[in-house]
Amino acid sequence: MNVEEFRKMTSPQLNEELMALLRKQFNLRMQKGSGQEPKSSEVRAVRKDIARLKTVLREMQK
């Protein structure tokens, strides 16, 4: 997702999306630990989406 899409969401929606992304990141780490190699681009994209979302949440708090 991009920043404009995150900015259109409400705070509860953003928190729900954050939890979903953190679950996805956890699942990708577990895949890596069990020997399955997830796509590196997917890991990177999830990490960047989490950072974007946290940035928007922080902007909303100010």
Protein backbone atom coordinates (compact mmCIF):
# COMPACT_ATOMS: atom_id res chain seq x y z
CA MET A 1 0.00 0.00 0.00
CA ASN A 2 1.09 3.58 -0.34
CA VAL A 3 0.94 6.45 2.11
CA GLU A 4 -2.16 8.09 0.60
CA GLU A 5 -4.16 4.90 1.17
CA PHE A 6 -3.03 4.79 4.79
CA ARG A 7 -3.91 8.44 5.35
CA LYS A 8 -7.51 7.84 4.20
CA MET A 9 -8.00 5.19 6.90
CA THR A 10 -9.22 5.81 10.43
CA SER A 11 -7.11 5.07 13.48
CA PRO A 12 -8.85 1.73 14.30
CA GLN A 13 -8.47 0.62 10.68
CA LEU A 14 -4.77 1.51 10.78
CA ASN A 15 -4.26 -0.49 13.97
CA GLU A 16 -6.04 -3.47 12.41
CA GLU A 17 -3.89 -3.21 9.29
CA LEU A 18 -0.76 -2.95 11.45
CA MET A 19 -1.65 -6.16 13.29
CA ALA A 20 -2.25 -7.93 9.97
CA LEU A 21 1.13 -6.79 8.63
CA LEU A 22 2.92 -7.84 11.81
CA ARG A 23 1.29 -11.29 11.56
CA LYS A 24 2.38 -11.54 7.94
CA GLN A 25 5.94 -10.58 8.89
CA PHE A 26 5.94 -13.19 11.65
CA ASN A 27 4.70 -15.88 9.25
CA LEU A 28 7.43 -15.00 6.76
CA ARG A 29 10.07 -15.29 9.51
CA MET A 30 8.66 -18.68 10.54
CA GLN A 31 8.82 -19.87 6.92
CA LYS A 32 12.46 -18.87 6.79
CA GLY A 33 13.15 -20.65 10.08
CA SER A 34 11.51 -23.86 8.92
CA GLY A 35 13.67 -24.05 5.81
CA GLN A 36 11.23 -22.61 3.28
CA GLU A 37 12.73 -19.56 1.67
CA PRO A 38 10.14 -16.76 1.28
CA LYS A 39 10.56 -14.19 -1.46
CA SER A 40 13.02 -11.57 -0.29
CA SER A 41 11.02 -8.88 -2.08
CA GLU A 42 7.92 -9.82 -0.08
CA VAL A 43 9.82 -9.59 3.23
CA ARG A 44 11.16 -6.19 2.25
CA ALA A 45 7.75 -4.93 1.10
CA VAL A 46 6.05 -5.96 4.36
CA ARG A 47 8.77 -4.29 6.41
CA LYS A 48 8.41 -1.04 4.44
CA ASP A 49 4.60 -1.13 4.70
CA ILE A 50 4.89 -1.46 8.48
CA ALA A 51 7.21 1.54 8.59
CA ARG A 52 4.86 3.62 6.41
CA LEU A 53 1.88 2.71 8.54
CA LYS A 54 3.66 3.53 11.79
CA THR A 55 4.69 6.89 10.32
CA VAL A 56 1.09 7.75 9.46
CA LEU A 57 -0.08 6.67 12.94
CA ARG A 58 2.56 8.90 14.51
CA GLU A 59 1.51 11.84 12.31
CA MET A 60 -2.10 11.36 13.44
CA GLN A 61 -1.06 11.48 17.10
CA LYS A 62 0.51 14.91 16.74
